[in-house]
Protein backbone atom coordinates (compact mmCIF):
# COMPACT_ATOMS: atom_id res chain seq x y z
CA MET A 1 9.58 39.99 10.88
CA GLN A 2 12.90 41.73 10.77
CA ALA A 3 16.20 40.44 9.44
CA SER A 4 19.75 41.77 9.60
CA SER A 5 21.89 39.30 7.65
CA GLU A 6 21.42 38.29 4.00
CA ALA A 7 20.50 34.72 5.01
CA SER A 8 17.94 36.06 7.47
CA LYS A 9 16.44 38.31 4.81
CA GLN A 10 16.12 35.36 2.42
CA PHE A 11 14.40 33.35 5.16
CA VAL A 12 11.94 36.17 5.84
CA ASN A 13 11.29 36.51 2.11
CA VAL A 14 10.42 32.82 1.87
CA ILE A 15 8.07 33.13 4.86
CA GLU A 16 6.34 36.09 3.20
CA LYS A 17 6.20 34.53 -0.29
CA CYS A 18 4.60 31.38 1.11
CA TYR A 19 2.11 33.49 3.09
CA LEU A 20 3.11 31.84 6.35
CA VAL A 21 1.89 33.28 9.63
CA GLN A 22 4.22 33.50 12.63
CA HIS A 23 2.22 32.65 15.74
CA VAL A 24 4.87 33.35 18.40
CA THR A 25 4.57 36.98 19.49
CA GLU A 26 6.48 36.99 22.80
CA PRO A 27 10.23 36.71 23.45
CA THR A 28 11.45 33.16 24.04
CA ARG A 29 15.11 33.72 24.93
CA HIS A 30 16.61 36.70 26.80
CA GLY A 31 14.03 39.13 25.43
CA ALA A 32 14.44 37.92 21.83
CA LEU A 33 11.84 36.13 19.77
CA LEU A 34 13.86 33.19 18.45
CA ASP A 35 11.38 30.36 18.24
CA LEU A 36 8.97 29.95 15.34
CA VAL A 37 5.55 28.40 15.00
CA ASN A 38 4.49 29.04 11.40
CA SER A 39 1.41 27.98 9.50
CA SER A 40 -0.29 28.79 6.24
CA ASP A 41 -3.64 29.26 7.99
CA PRO A 42 -4.00 31.91 10.71
CA SER A 43 -6.84 29.98 12.35
CA LEU A 44 -4.87 26.72 12.50
CA ILE A 45 -2.99 27.64 15.68
CA ASP A 46 -4.64 28.91 18.84
CA GLU A 47 -2.85 31.06 21.35
CA VAL A 48 0.85 30.26 21.72
CA LYS A 49 1.91 30.32 25.38
CA VAL A 50 5.50 31.01 26.36
CA LEU A 51 6.17 28.90 29.45
CA SER A 52 9.13 28.66 31.81
CA GLN A 53 12.61 27.65 30.74
CA PHE A 54 13.34 24.01 30.05
CA GLY A 55 15.78 22.57 32.60
CA SER A 56 19.14 24.31 32.32
CA SER A 57 18.33 25.73 28.87
CA ASP A 58 17.95 29.45 28.39
CA HIS A 59 15.05 28.91 25.96
CA SER A 60 11.46 29.05 27.12
CA LEU A 61 9.05 26.24 26.35
CA LEU A 62 6.19 26.91 23.96
CA GLN A 63 2.70 25.46 24.14
CA TRP A 64 -0.07 25.77 21.55
CA SER A 65 -3.11 24.01 20.23
CA VAL A 66 -3.75 23.03 16.65
CA ASN A 67 -7.30 23.36 15.35
CA LEU A 68 -8.00 20.34 13.21
CA ALA A 69 -11.42 19.64 11.84
CA SER A 70 -12.15 16.04 11.12
CA GLU A 71 -14.46 15.10 8.32
CA HIS A 72 -17.25 12.83 9.38
CA SER A 73 -18.36 10.73 6.50
CA GLU A 74 -21.38 8.52 6.59
CA TYR A 75 -21.13 5.75 4.09
CA ALA A 76 -24.26 3.69 4.20
CA ARG A 77 -24.31 0.42 2.38
CA GLU A 78 -26.02 -2.82 2.96
CA CYS A 79 -23.81 -5.49 4.51
CA LEU A 80 -24.77 -9.12 4.54
CA ASP A 81 -24.69 -11.01 7.82
CA TYR A 82 -23.39 -14.42 6.78
CA SER A 83 -23.81 -15.79 10.28
CA LYS A 84 -27.57 -15.78 9.67
CA ALA A 85 -27.39 -17.57 6.30
CA ASP A 86 -29.18 -20.85 5.72
CA PHE A 87 -26.16 -22.79 4.45
CA ASP A 88 -27.99 -26.12 4.54
CA GLY A 89 -30.74 -24.67 2.33
CA ILE A 90 -28.17 -23.16 -0.05
CA ARG A 91 -26.35 -26.50 -0.34
CA SER A 92 -29.65 -28.28 -0.97
CA GLN A 93 -30.61 -25.88 -3.78
CA LEU A 94 -27.15 -26.16 -5.36
CA ARG A 95 -27.38 -30.00 -5.28
CA ASP A 96 -30.68 -29.86 -7.19
CA ILE A 97 -29.10 -28.03 -10.16
CA ASP A 98 -28.06 -30.12 -13.18
CA TRP A 99 -24.54 -28.65 -13.47
CA ASP A 100 -23.61 -30.76 -16.52
CA TYR A 101 -26.49 -29.14 -18.41
CA GLU A 102 -25.89 -25.62 -17.00
CA LEU A 103 -22.18 -25.70 -17.87
CA THR A 104 -22.53 -27.09 -21.40
CA GLY A 105 -21.17 -24.93 -24.21
CA THR A 106 -18.54 -22.25 -24.49
CA VAL A 107 -17.82 -19.52 -22.01
CA GLN A 108 -19.18 -16.93 -24.45
CA ASN A 109 -22.45 -18.82 -24.87
CA CYS A 110 -22.92 -19.42 -21.17
């Protein structure tokens, strides 16, 4: 990257210090490369295409693809299917428990 003004030089310095890669390599406006597509990973952006101008603008459109890898995580755990539960049987067993006896004493003792 080249810079002529002090502000431009500071901008270029920041780009270089942050190790950013400029992916646009073709002119985008009247033979000048004005548009930026920067990333910190050179493999993140595929080919950048400079397309035709947008409407009455004198800037060309840019098109690129971003390479994103998704992480596929398999988390296997047992899940209960409550629709198959025997609720009548559960209720029957709970009715047979002597709750007064079971719940006698302090919380710490129980």
